[in-house]
Amino acid sequence: MSTVEQQGAALKRPEDVLNLLRDVFERRGAESYLGEDVTMSQHMLQGAAMVGRQGFGDAVVVAALLHDIGHYINDFPEADALRLDRRHQITGAAILTRWFPPIVVECVRGHVDAKRYLCAAEPDYLRTLSDASIHTLELQGGIFDDREARVFAKSPYLDDMLAVRRADDAGKDRDAEVPGFAIYEPAIMRLMREHKRNGDSE
């Protein structure tokens, strides 16, 4: 049970969400990442650092940081009430949608389909995937057909989703040194507060 759950705190404020996200990274980040040679926190932190170096804004960086948060469904007090899909990209998007702008949510939701799209759009892409990623590709529906690829390519967040996907693919270096979770906390808070203000004004 997470620190936030132990305290009985509901997710009512951005600060509550940040505390829970920090707790998940600190407490569960050392878990292995689905057959890869890195931990979950290493993987997600490497992805965020990569997207940041490429010049993407805070929203895409935070999406890369949180793209696999759906694996931690049991750490979110409201998750059972939402009856979330256990596919981690759908679960992650559902967890984040209340608190983050659409670009973050859609990058999280789309990072699995972005792999399926890239396999169809770039013939050499499949050869760059790890064995674990190739294995999960089949579980996730396989390579997009032409129609699926055309539909996916129409997303207004296509470039952002592909950036998160490529960071997901690359974030598997056990020796990489990247900033920790704390460096992203101001951006996380800023995005949540802006989203809350925008929602309150609608």
N, C-alpha and C. Protein backbone atom coordinates (compact mmCIF):
# COMPACT_ATOMS: atom_id res chain seq x y z
N MET A 1 0.85 -1.20 0.00
CA MET A 1 0.00 0.00 0.00
C MET A 1 0.88 1.24 0.00
N SER A 2 0.54 2.21 -0.82
CA SER A 2 1.37 3.40 -0.95
C SER A 2 1.23 4.32 0.23
N THR A 3 2.19 5.23 0.36
CA THR A 3 2.16 6.23 1.43
C THR A 3 0.88 7.03 1.38
N VAL A 4 0.49 7.44 0.19
CA VAL A 4 -0.71 8.24 0.06
C VAL A 4 -1.94 7.45 0.50
N GLU A 5 -2.01 6.19 0.13
CA GLU A 5 -3.15 5.37 0.54
C GLU A 5 -3.16 5.16 2.04
N GLN A 6 -1.99 4.95 2.62
CA GLN A 6 -1.89 4.75 4.05
C GLN A 6 -2.41 5.96 4.81
N GLN A 7 -2.19 7.12 4.26
CA GLN A 7 -2.65 8.35 4.90
C GLN A 7 -4.13 8.60 4.63
N GLY A 8 -4.72 7.78 3.77
CA GLY A 8 -6.13 7.93 3.47
C GLY A 8 -6.44 9.14 2.62
N ALA A 9 -5.47 9.64 1.88
CA ALA A 9 -5.68 10.86 1.11
C ALA A 9 -6.36 10.55 -0.21
N ALA A 10 -7.41 11.30 -0.52
CA ALA A 10 -8.04 11.21 -1.83
C ALA A 10 -7.28 12.10 -2.79
N LEU A 11 -7.39 11.82 -4.07
CA LEU A 11 -6.71 12.64 -5.07
C LEU A 11 -7.59 13.84 -5.40
N LYS A 12 -7.50 14.85 -4.56
CA LYS A 12 -8.35 16.03 -4.72
C LYS A 12 -7.59 17.22 -5.28
N ARG A 13 -6.27 17.23 -5.12
CA ARG A 13 -5.47 18.39 -5.53
C ARG A 13 -4.30 17.92 -6.36
N PRO A 14 -3.74 18.79 -7.21
CA PRO A 14 -2.52 18.42 -7.93
C PRO A 14 -1.41 17.95 -7.00
N GLU A 15 -1.32 18.55 -5.83
CA GLU A 15 -0.27 18.14 -4.88
C GLU A 15 -0.43 16.68 -4.47
N ASP A 16 -1.68 16.24 -4.32
CA ASP A 16 -1.93 14.84 -3.96
C ASP A 16 -1.44 13.90 -5.07
N VAL A 17 -1.72 14.29 -6.31
CA VAL A 17 -1.31 13.46 -7.44
C VAL A 17 0.21 13.41 -7.54
N LEU A 18 0.86 14.56 -7.38
CA LEU A 18 2.32 14.58 -7.42
C LEU A 18 2.91 13.71 -6.33
N ASN A 19 2.36 13.77 -5.12
CA ASN A 19 2.86 12.95 -4.03
C ASN A 19 2.72 11.47 -4.36
N LEU A 20 1.60 11.10 -4.97
CA LEU A 20 1.39 9.70 -5.32
C LEU A 20 2.34 9.26 -6.42
N LEU A 21 2.52 10.09 -7.43
CA LEU A 21 3.46 9.74 -8.50
C LEU A 21 4.88 9.59 -7.96
N ARG A 22 5.28 10.51 -7.11
CA ARG A 22 6.61 10.42 -6.51
C ARG A 22 6.75 9.15 -5.70
N ASP A 23 5.73 8.82 -4.94
CA ASP A 23 5.75 7.61 -4.12
C ASP A 23 5.88 6.36 -4.98
N VAL A 24 5.15 6.32 -6.10
CA VAL A 24 5.22 5.16 -6.99
C VAL A 24 6.63 4.99 -7.54
N PHE A 25 7.24 6.10 -7.99
CA PHE A 25 8.59 6.02 -8.53
C PHE A 25 9.58 5.55 -7.46
N GLU A 26 9.45 6.09 -6.25
CA GLU A 26 10.41 5.77 -5.20
C GLU A 26 10.23 4.35 -4.67
N ARG A 27 9.00 3.91 -4.54
CA ARG A 27 8.72 2.64 -3.89
C ARG A 27 8.72 1.46 -4.86
N ARG A 28 8.27 1.69 -6.09
CA ARG A 28 8.14 0.58 -7.02
C ARG A 28 9.07 0.70 -8.23
N GLY A 29 9.81 1.78 -8.30
CA GLY A 29 10.65 2.01 -9.46
C GLY A 29 11.76 1.00 -9.65
N ALA A 30 12.15 0.31 -8.58
CA ALA A 30 13.24 -0.67 -8.69
C ALA A 30 12.78 -2.00 -9.27
N GLU A 31 11.48 -2.14 -9.54
CA GLU A 31 11.00 -3.38 -10.12
C GLU A 31 11.54 -3.53 -11.54
N SER A 32 11.67 -4.76 -12.00
CA SER A 32 12.20 -5.01 -13.33
C SER A 32 11.20 -4.57 -14.38
N TYR A 33 11.73 -4.22 -15.54
CA TYR A 33 10.89 -3.72 -16.62
C TYR A 33 10.66 -4.80 -17.68
N LEU A 34 9.71 -5.67 -17.45
CA LEU A 34 9.16 -6.56 -18.46
C LEU A 34 10.20 -7.25 -19.34
N GLY A 35 11.18 -7.86 -18.72
CA GLY A 35 12.16 -8.62 -19.47
C GLY A 35 13.33 -7.82 -20.00
N GLU A 36 13.35 -6.52 -19.73
CA GLU A 36 14.46 -5.68 -20.17
C GLU A 36 15.52 -5.60 -19.07
N ASP A 37 16.67 -5.05 -19.44
CA ASP A 37 17.81 -5.01 -18.51
C ASP A 37 17.87 -3.71 -17.72
N VAL A 38 16.72 -3.12 -17.46
CA VAL A 38 16.63 -1.90 -16.67
C VAL A 38 15.44 -2.02 -15.72
N THR A 39 15.43 -1.15 -14.71
CA THR A 39 14.27 -1.09 -13.82
C THR A 39 13.21 -0.20 -14.45
N MET A 40 12.02 -0.23 -13.88
CA MET A 40 10.94 0.61 -14.39
C MET A 40 11.30 2.09 -14.28
N SER A 41 11.86 2.51 -13.14
CA SER A 41 12.19 3.93 -13.00
C SER A 41 13.30 4.34 -13.95
N GLN A 42 14.32 3.50 -14.12
CA GLN A 42 15.37 3.80 -15.09
C GLN A 42 14.77 4.00 -16.48
N HIS A 43 13.88 3.10 -16.85
CA HIS A 43 13.27 3.14 -18.17
C HIS A 43 12.50 4.45 -18.39
N MET A 44 11.65 4.81 -17.46
CA MET A 44 10.81 5.99 -17.64
C MET A 44 11.62 7.28 -17.53
N LEU A 45 12.59 7.31 -16.63
CA LEU A 45 13.44 8.50 -16.51
C LEU A 45 14.32 8.69 -17.73
N GLN A 46 14.82 7.60 -18.30
CA GLN A 46 15.61 7.70 -19.52
C GLN A 46 14.76 8.23 -20.67
N GLY A 47 13.53 7.77 -20.75
CA GLY A 47 12.65 8.25 -21.80
C GLY A 47 12.39 9.74 -21.70
N ALA A 48 12.11 10.21 -20.50
CA ALA A 48 11.87 11.64 -20.30
C ALA A 48 13.09 12.46 -20.65
N ALA A 49 14.26 12.00 -20.25
CA ALA A 49 15.50 12.73 -20.55
C ALA A 49 15.74 12.80 -22.05
N MET A 50 15.48 11.72 -22.74
CA MET A 50 15.69 11.68 -24.19
C MET A 50 14.77 12.68 -24.89
N VAL A 51 13.51 12.69 -24.55
CA VAL A 51 12.55 13.60 -25.18
C VAL A 51 12.93 15.05 -24.87
N GLY A 52 13.37 15.30 -23.64
CA GLY A 52 13.80 16.64 -23.28
C GLY A 52 14.99 17.11 -24.09
N ARG A 53 15.95 16.23 -24.31
CA ARG A 53 17.13 16.60 -25.11
C ARG A 53 16.76 16.90 -26.55
N GLN A 54 15.69 16.33 -27.02
CA GLN A 54 15.26 16.56 -28.40
C GLN A 54 14.50 17.88 -28.57
N GLY A 55 14.26 18.57 -27.47
CA GLY A 55 13.64 19.89 -27.56
C GLY A 55 12.13 19.91 -27.46
N PHE A 56 11.52 18.81 -27.12
CA PHE A 56 10.07 18.81 -26.94
C PHE A 56 9.72 19.55 -25.65
N GLY A 57 8.49 20.04 -25.59
CA GLY A 57 8.04 20.79 -24.42
C GLY A 57 7.72 19.92 -23.23
N ASP A 58 7.36 20.59 -22.14
CA ASP A 58 7.11 19.89 -20.88
C ASP A 58 6.05 18.80 -21.00
N ALA A 59 5.01 19.04 -21.79
CA ALA A 59 3.91 18.06 -21.87
C ALA A 59 4.40 16.73 -22.44
N VAL A 60 5.23 16.77 -23.46
CA VAL A 60 5.71 15.53 -24.07
C VAL A 60 6.76 14.88 -23.17
N VAL A 61 7.56 15.68 -22.51
CA VAL A 61 8.54 15.14 -21.55
C VAL A 61 7.82 14.41 -20.42
N VAL A 62 6.79 15.03 -19.88
CA VAL A 62 6.04 14.40 -18.79
C VAL A 62 5.31 13.16 -19.31
N ALA A 63 4.81 13.19 -20.52
CA ALA A 63 4.19 12.00 -21.09
C ALA A 63 5.18 10.85 -21.18
N ALA A 64 6.41 11.15 -21.61
CA ALA A 64 7.44 10.11 -21.66
C ALA A 64 7.76 9.59 -20.27
N LEU A 65 7.78 10.49 -19.30
CA LEU A 65 8.05 10.09 -17.91
C LEU A 65 6.97 9.15 -17.38
N LEU A 66 5.73 9.41 -17.76
CA LEU A 66 4.59 8.68 -17.19
C LEU A 66 3.97 7.66 -18.14
N HIS A 67 4.64 7.38 -19.26
CA HIS A 67 3.97 6.56 -20.28
C HIS A 67 3.61 5.16 -19.79
N ASP A 68 4.34 4.64 -18.81
CA ASP A 68 4.06 3.29 -18.31
C ASP A 68 3.37 3.30 -16.95
N ILE A 69 2.81 4.43 -16.56
CA ILE A 69 2.20 4.53 -15.23
C ILE A 69 1.03 3.57 -15.09
N GLY A 70 0.44 3.15 -16.19
CA GLY A 70 -0.67 2.21 -16.13
C GLY A 70 -0.31 0.85 -15.56
N HIS A 71 0.98 0.54 -15.49
CA HIS A 71 1.40 -0.72 -14.86
C HIS A 71 1.17 -0.68 -13.35
N TYR A 72 0.92 0.51 -12.82
CA TYR A 72 0.79 0.68 -11.37
C TYR A 72 -0.66 0.96 -10.97
N ILE A 73 -1.60 0.40 -11.68
CA ILE A 73 -3.01 0.67 -11.45
C ILE A 73 -3.42 0.48 -10.00
N ASN A 74 -2.86 -0.50 -9.33
CA ASN A 74 -3.28 -0.80 -7.96
C ASN A 74 -2.85 0.27 -6.96
N ASP A 75 -1.99 1.19 -7.38
CA ASP A 75 -1.54 2.24 -6.49
C ASP A 75 -2.44 3.47 -6.52
N PHE A 76 -3.43 3.46 -7.40
CA PHE A 76 -4.30 4.63 -7.52
C PHE A 76 -5.64 4.35 -6.86
N PRO A 77 -5.98 5.11 -5.81
CA PRO A 77 -7.18 4.82 -5.01
C PRO A 77 -8.46 4.74 -5.82
N GLU A 78 -8.57 5.51 -6.92
CA GLU A 78 -9.81 5.55 -7.67
C GLU A 78 -9.86 4.52 -8.80
N ALA A 79 -8.81 3.75 -8.96
CA ALA A 79 -8.70 2.89 -10.15
C ALA A 79 -9.82 1.87 -10.23
N ASP A 80 -10.12 1.17 -9.14
CA ASP A 80 -11.14 0.14 -9.19
C ASP A 80 -12.51 0.71 -9.54
N ALA A 81 -12.79 1.91 -9.02
CA ALA A 81 -14.08 2.54 -9.30
C ALA A 81 -14.21 2.86 -10.78
N LEU A 82 -13.09 3.12 -11.45
CA LEU A 82 -13.13 3.46 -12.87
C LEU A 82 -13.27 2.22 -13.76
N ARG A 83 -13.09 1.03 -13.16
CA ARG A 83 -13.15 -0.23 -13.92
C ARG A 83 -12.24 -0.16 -15.15
N LEU A 84 -10.99 0.16 -14.89
CA LEU A 84 -10.05 0.42 -15.96
C LEU A 84 -9.66 -0.85 -16.72
N ASP A 85 -9.45 -0.65 -18.01
CA ASP A 85 -8.88 -1.69 -18.85
C ASP A 85 -7.48 -2.00 -18.35
N ARG A 86 -7.11 -3.27 -18.29
CA ARG A 86 -5.80 -3.63 -17.77
C ARG A 86 -4.67 -3.43 -18.78
N ARG A 87 -4.98 -3.11 -20.03
CA ARG A 87 -3.92 -2.77 -20.96
C ARG A 87 -3.28 -1.47 -20.47
N HIS A 88 -1.98 -1.48 -20.26
CA HIS A 88 -1.38 -0.39 -19.48
C HIS A 88 -1.50 0.96 -20.14
N GLN A 89 -1.55 1.01 -21.49
CA GLN A 89 -1.68 2.31 -22.13
C GLN A 89 -3.08 2.90 -21.93
N ILE A 90 -4.09 2.06 -21.93
CA ILE A 90 -5.46 2.52 -21.69
C ILE A 90 -5.64 2.89 -20.23
N THR A 91 -5.13 2.04 -19.35
CA THR A 91 -5.19 2.32 -17.92
C THR A 91 -4.47 3.61 -17.58
N GLY A 92 -3.27 3.78 -18.13
CA GLY A 92 -2.50 4.99 -17.84
C GLY A 92 -3.22 6.24 -18.29
N ALA A 93 -3.80 6.21 -19.49
CA ALA A 93 -4.53 7.37 -19.99
C ALA A 93 -5.73 7.68 -19.10
N ALA A 94 -6.44 6.65 -18.67
CA ALA A 94 -7.61 6.86 -17.82
C ALA A 94 -7.22 7.45 -16.47
N ILE A 95 -6.08 7.01 -15.93
CA ILE A 95 -5.60 7.54 -14.66
C ILE A 95 -5.26 9.03 -14.78
N LEU A 96 -4.65 9.40 -15.89
CA LEU A 96 -4.11 10.75 -16.04
C LEU A 96 -5.10 11.77 -16.57
N THR A 97 -6.18 11.32 -17.20
CA THR A 97 -7.03 12.24 -17.95
C THR A 97 -7.66 13.33 -17.09
N ARG A 98 -7.91 13.05 -15.84
CA ARG A 98 -8.51 14.05 -14.94
C ARG A 98 -7.54 15.18 -14.61
N TRP A 99 -6.25 14.88 -14.70
CA TRP A 99 -5.26 15.80 -14.15
C TRP A 99 -4.36 16.45 -15.19
N PHE A 100 -4.27 15.90 -16.36
CA PHE A 100 -3.29 16.38 -17.34
C PHE A 100 -3.97 16.75 -18.65
N PRO A 101 -3.34 17.64 -19.43
CA PRO A 101 -3.92 18.06 -20.70
C PRO A 101 -3.95 16.92 -21.71
N PRO A 102 -4.77 17.06 -22.76
CA PRO A 102 -4.92 15.97 -23.74
C PRO A 102 -3.62 15.50 -24.37
N ILE A 103 -2.66 16.36 -24.60
CA ILE A 103 -1.43 15.93 -25.24
C ILE A 103 -0.71 14.88 -24.39
N VAL A 104 -0.71 15.05 -23.08
CA VAL A 104 -0.08 14.06 -22.20
C VAL A 104 -0.87 12.76 -22.24
N VAL A 105 -2.17 12.87 -22.09
CA VAL A 105 -3.03 11.68 -22.06
C VAL A 105 -2.93 10.90 -23.37
N GLU A 106 -2.97 11.60 -24.50
CA GLU A 106 -2.95 10.91 -25.78
C GLU A 106 -1.59 10.30 -26.10
N CYS A 107 -0.52 10.92 -25.63
CA CYS A 107 0.80 10.31 -25.82
C CYS A 107 0.93 9.02 -25.01
N VAL A 108 0.35 9.02 -23.82
CA VAL A 108 0.36 7.79 -23.01
C VAL A 108 -0.53 6.74 -23.66
N ARG A 109 -1.73 7.14 -24.06
CA ARG A 109 -2.65 6.21 -24.70
C ARG A 109 -2.08 5.65 -26.01
N GLY A 110 -1.35 6.50 -26.75
CA GLY A 110 -0.91 6.13 -28.08
C GLY A 110 0.46 5.51 -28.19
N HIS A 111 1.19 5.36 -27.08
CA HIS A 111 2.58 4.92 -27.24
C HIS A 111 2.69 3.46 -27.68
N VAL A 112 1.69 2.65 -27.39
CA VAL A 112 1.70 1.26 -27.87
C VAL A 112 1.32 1.22 -29.35
N ASP A 113 0.26 1.90 -29.72
CA ASP A 113 -0.13 1.94 -31.12
C ASP A 113 0.93 2.60 -31.99
N ALA A 114 1.73 3.50 -31.40
CA ALA A 114 2.81 4.11 -32.16
C ALA A 114 3.84 3.07 -32.59
N LYS A 115 4.07 2.07 -31.77
CA LYS A 115 4.96 0.97 -32.17
C LYS A 115 4.35 0.20 -33.33
N ARG A 116 3.09 -0.08 -33.25
CA ARG A 116 2.40 -0.80 -34.32
C ARG A 116 2.43 0.01 -35.62
N TYR A 117 2.28 1.33 -35.48
CA TYR A 117 2.32 2.23 -36.65
C TYR A 117 3.71 2.27 -37.27
N LEU A 118 4.74 2.44 -36.45
CA LEU A 118 6.09 2.54 -36.98
C LEU A 118 6.53 1.26 -37.68
N CYS A 119 6.06 0.13 -37.19
CA CYS A 119 6.38 -1.13 -37.87
C CYS A 119 5.81 -1.14 -39.29
N ALA A 120 4.66 -0.49 -39.47
CA ALA A 120 4.04 -0.44 -40.79
C ALA A 120 4.65 0.66 -41.65
N ALA A 121 5.00 1.78 -41.04
CA ALA A 121 5.44 2.96 -41.80
C ALA A 121 6.92 2.95 -42.14
N GLU A 122 7.72 2.28 -41.31
CA GLU A 122 9.17 2.28 -41.50
C GLU A 122 9.67 0.83 -41.53
N PRO A 123 9.99 0.31 -42.67
CA PRO A 123 10.36 -1.10 -42.79
C PRO A 123 11.51 -1.54 -41.88
N ASP A 124 12.43 -0.64 -41.59
CA ASP A 124 13.58 -1.01 -40.76
C ASP A 124 13.30 -0.92 -39.27
N TYR A 125 12.18 -0.36 -38.90
CA TYR A 125 11.91 -0.10 -37.48
C TYR A 125 11.84 -1.39 -36.67
N LEU A 126 11.19 -2.40 -37.20
CA LEU A 126 11.00 -3.64 -36.44
C LEU A 126 12.34 -4.21 -35.99
N ARG A 127 13.37 -4.07 -36.81
CA ARG A 127 14.67 -4.64 -36.47
C ARG A 127 15.35 -3.91 -35.32
N THR A 128 14.86 -2.73 -34.97
CA THR A 128 15.45 -1.97 -33.88
C THR A 128 14.87 -2.36 -32.52
N LEU A 129 13.79 -3.11 -32.52
CA LEU A 129 13.11 -3.44 -31.27
C LEU A 129 13.83 -4.55 -30.52
N SER A 130 13.74 -4.49 -29.21
CA SER A 130 14.29 -5.56 -28.38
C SER A 130 13.42 -6.80 -28.51
N ASP A 131 13.95 -7.92 -28.08
CA ASP A 131 13.18 -9.17 -28.12
C ASP A 131 11.89 -9.05 -27.31
N ALA A 132 11.99 -8.41 -26.14
CA ALA A 132 10.81 -8.26 -25.29
C ALA A 132 9.75 -7.40 -25.98
N SER A 133 10.20 -6.35 -26.66
CA SER A 133 9.25 -5.47 -27.34
C SER A 133 8.61 -6.15 -28.55
N ILE A 134 9.37 -6.97 -29.24
CA ILE A 134 8.79 -7.74 -30.35
C ILE A 134 7.76 -8.73 -29.83
N HIS A 135 8.06 -9.35 -28.70
CA HIS A 135 7.11 -10.28 -28.10
C HIS A 135 5.80 -9.58 -27.73
N THR A 136 5.90 -8.42 -27.09
CA THR A 136 4.68 -7.71 -26.69
C THR A 136 3.94 -7.13 -27.90
N LEU A 137 4.64 -6.88 -28.99
CA LEU A 137 3.98 -6.37 -30.19
C LEU A 137 2.85 -7.29 -30.62
N GLU A 138 3.08 -8.58 -30.61
CA GLU A 138 2.04 -9.52 -31.01
C GLU A 138 0.89 -9.52 -30.01
N LEU A 139 1.21 -9.41 -28.74
CA LEU A 139 0.16 -9.37 -27.71
C LEU A 139 -0.67 -8.10 -27.84
N GLN A 140 -0.07 -7.05 -28.37
CA GLN A 140 -0.73 -5.75 -28.48
C GLN A 140 -1.48 -5.56 -29.79
N GLY A 141 -1.54 -6.59 -30.60
CA GLY A 141 -2.33 -6.51 -31.82
C GLY A 141 -1.55 -6.61 -33.11
N GLY A 142 -0.22 -6.62 -33.01
CA GLY A 142 0.60 -6.77 -34.20
C GLY A 142 0.75 -5.49 -35.00
N ILE A 143 1.39 -5.61 -36.14
CA ILE A 143 1.66 -4.46 -37.01
C ILE A 143 0.35 -3.94 -37.61
N PHE A 144 0.20 -2.62 -37.66
CA PHE A 144 -0.98 -2.03 -38.27
C PHE A 144 -1.10 -2.42 -39.74
N ASP A 145 -2.32 -2.62 -40.20
CA ASP A 145 -2.53 -2.73 -41.63
C ASP A 145 -2.59 -1.31 -42.21
N ASP A 146 -2.74 -1.21 -43.51
CA ASP A 146 -2.69 0.11 -44.16
C ASP A 146 -3.78 1.06 -43.64
N ARG A 147 -4.96 0.53 -43.45
CA ARG A 147 -6.06 1.39 -42.98
C ARG A 147 -5.79 1.89 -41.57
N GLU A 148 -5.35 1.00 -40.69
CA GLU A 148 -5.06 1.39 -39.31
C GLU A 148 -3.95 2.43 -39.27
N ALA A 149 -2.95 2.25 -40.11
CA ALA A 149 -1.84 3.20 -40.14
C ALA A 149 -2.30 4.57 -40.62
N ARG A 150 -3.16 4.61 -41.61
CA ARG A 150 -3.66 5.90 -42.11
C ARG A 150 -4.48 6.62 -41.05
N VAL A 151 -5.29 5.90 -40.32
CA VAL A 151 -6.10 6.50 -39.26
C VAL A 151 -5.20 7.06 -38.16
N PHE A 152 -4.22 6.28 -37.74
CA PHE A 152 -3.32 6.72 -36.68
C PHE A 152 -2.55 7.96 -37.11
N ALA A 153 -2.13 8.02 -38.35
CA ALA A 153 -1.32 9.13 -38.84
C ALA A 153 -2.08 10.45 -38.85
N LYS A 154 -3.40 10.41 -38.73
CA LYS A 154 -4.20 11.63 -38.72
C LYS A 154 -4.26 12.30 -37.35
N SER A 155 -3.72 11.65 -36.34
CA SER A 155 -3.77 12.24 -34.99
C SER A 155 -3.02 13.56 -34.95
N PRO A 156 -3.58 14.59 -34.31
CA PRO A 156 -2.86 15.86 -34.16
C PRO A 156 -1.62 15.74 -33.28
N TYR A 157 -1.53 14.64 -32.56
CA TYR A 157 -0.39 14.42 -31.66
C TYR A 157 0.60 13.39 -32.22
N LEU A 158 0.54 13.15 -33.52
CA LEU A 158 1.36 12.09 -34.10
C LEU A 158 2.84 12.24 -33.77
N ASP A 159 3.42 13.40 -34.04
CA ASP A 159 4.85 13.58 -33.80
C ASP A 159 5.20 13.40 -32.33
N ASP A 160 4.32 13.85 -31.46
CA ASP A 160 4.56 13.73 -30.02
C ASP A 160 4.50 12.26 -29.59
N MET A 161 3.50 11.54 -30.09
CA MET A 161 3.38 10.12 -29.75
C MET A 161 4.58 9.32 -30.26
N LEU A 162 5.05 9.67 -31.45
CA LEU A 162 6.20 8.95 -32.00
C LEU A 162 7.47 9.26 -31.20
N ALA A 163 7.58 10.48 -30.71
CA ALA A 163 8.73 10.83 -29.87
C ALA A 163 8.72 10.01 -28.58
N VAL A 164 7.55 9.89 -27.96
CA VAL A 164 7.43 9.08 -26.74
C VAL A 164 7.72 7.62 -27.05
N ARG A 165 7.25 7.14 -28.20
CA ARG A 165 7.51 5.75 -28.58
C ARG A 165 9.00 5.48 -28.76
N ARG A 166 9.67 6.37 -29.47
CA ARG A 166 11.10 6.16 -29.70
C ARG A 166 11.89 6.25 -28.40
N ALA A 167 11.44 7.11 -27.50
CA ALA A 167 12.08 7.18 -26.19
C ALA A 167 11.83 5.90 -25.40
N ASP A 168 10.63 5.36 -25.54
CA ASP A 168 10.30 4.08 -24.91
C ASP A 168 11.24 2.99 -25.41
N ASP A 169 11.48 2.97 -26.71
CA ASP A 169 12.37 1.96 -27.29
C ASP A 169 13.81 2.13 -26.83
N ALA A 170 14.23 3.39 -26.68
CA ALA A 170 15.64 3.66 -26.37
C ALA A 170 15.96 3.62 -24.88
N GLY A 171 14.95 3.75 -24.04
CA GLY A 171 15.19 3.87 -22.60
C GLY A 171 15.44 2.55 -21.92
N LYS A 172 16.49 1.85 -22.33
CA LYS A 172 16.75 0.50 -21.83
C LYS A 172 18.23 0.28 -21.56
N ASP A 173 18.93 1.35 -21.18
CA ASP A 173 20.37 1.29 -20.93
C ASP A 173 20.62 1.31 -19.42
N ARG A 174 21.03 0.18 -18.88
CA ARG A 174 21.18 0.09 -17.43
C ARG A 174 22.27 0.98 -16.88
N ASP A 175 23.18 1.45 -17.75
CA ASP A 175 24.30 2.29 -17.29
C ASP A 175 24.08 3.78 -17.54
N ALA A 176 22.97 4.14 -18.12
CA ALA A 176 22.72 5.55 -18.42
C ALA A 176 22.51 6.34 -17.14
N GLU A 177 23.06 7.54 -17.10
CA GLU A 177 22.87 8.43 -15.97
C GLU A 177 21.97 9.58 -16.41
N VAL A 178 20.81 9.68 -15.79
CA VAL A 178 19.84 10.70 -16.14
C VAL A 178 19.30 11.33 -14.86
N PRO A 179 18.70 12.50 -14.97
CA PRO A 179 18.11 13.14 -13.77
C PRO A 179 17.01 12.29 -13.15
N GLY A 180 16.81 12.48 -11.85
CA GLY A 180 15.78 11.75 -11.13
C GLY A 180 14.42 12.40 -11.26
N PHE A 181 13.44 11.81 -10.60
CA PHE A 181 12.06 12.26 -10.70
C PHE A 181 11.89 13.71 -10.27
N ALA A 182 12.63 14.13 -9.26
CA ALA A 182 12.43 15.46 -8.66
C ALA A 182 12.58 16.59 -9.68
N ILE A 183 13.44 16.40 -10.67
CA ILE A 183 13.67 17.48 -11.63
C ILE A 183 12.42 17.76 -12.47
N TYR A 184 11.53 16.79 -12.57
CA TYR A 184 10.32 16.95 -13.38
C TYR A 184 9.12 17.44 -12.56
N GLU A 185 9.27 17.51 -11.26
CA GLU A 185 8.13 17.88 -10.43
C GLU A 185 7.56 19.27 -10.76
N PRO A 186 8.39 20.30 -10.98
CA PRO A 186 7.80 21.60 -11.34
C PRO A 186 6.97 21.53 -12.62
N ALA A 187 7.44 20.82 -13.61
CA ALA A 187 6.68 20.71 -14.86
C ALA A 187 5.38 19.95 -14.64
N ILE A 188 5.43 18.88 -13.86
CA ILE A 188 4.22 18.11 -13.56
C ILE A 188 3.18 19.00 -12.89
N MET A 189 3.61 19.76 -11.88
CA MET A 189 2.69 20.64 -11.17
C MET A 189 2.15 21.73 -12.09
N ARG A 190 2.99 22.29 -12.91
CA ARG A 190 2.55 23.36 -13.82
C ARG A 190 1.49 22.84 -14.79
N LEU A 191 1.72 21.67 -15.35
CA LEU A 191 0.76 21.10 -16.28
C LEU A 191 -0.58 20.81 -15.60
N MET A 192 -0.53 20.26 -14.40
CA MET A 192 -1.77 19.94 -13.70
C MET A 192 -2.52 21.20 -13.31
N ARG A 193 -1.83 22.21 -12.85
CA ARG A 193 -2.50 23.45 -12.45
C ARG A 193 -3.11 24.15 -13.66
N GLU A 194 -2.40 24.17 -14.77
CA GLU A 194 -2.95 24.78 -15.98
C GLU A 194 -4.17 24.01 -16.47
N HIS A 195 -4.10 22.70 -16.41
CA HIS A 195 -5.24 21.88 -16.83
C HIS A 195 -6.44 22.13 -15.93
N LYS A 196 -6.19 22.24 -14.64
CA LYS A 196 -7.29 22.50 -13.70
C LYS A 196 -7.90 23.87 -13.97
N ARG A 197 -7.07 24.89 -14.20
CA ARG A 197 -7.60 26.23 -14.48
C ARG A 197 -8.42 26.21 -15.76
N ASN A 198 -7.92 25.56 -16.78
CA ASN A 198 -8.64 25.50 -18.04
C ASN A 198 -9.98 24.78 -17.89
N GLY A 199 -9.97 23.73 -17.08
CA GLY A 199 -11.22 23.00 -16.85
C GLY A 199 -12.22 23.81 -16.07
N ASP A 200 -11.72 24.57 -15.09
CA ASP A 200 -12.61 25.40 -14.27
C ASP A 200 -13.21 26.54 -15.07
N SER A 201 -12.50 26.96 -16.13
CA SER A 201 -12.97 28.12 -16.90
C SER A 201 -13.93 27.74 -18.01
N GLU A 202 -14.04 26.42 -18.28
CA GLU A 202 -14.91 25.98 -19.37
C GLU A 202 -16.38 25.93 -18.92
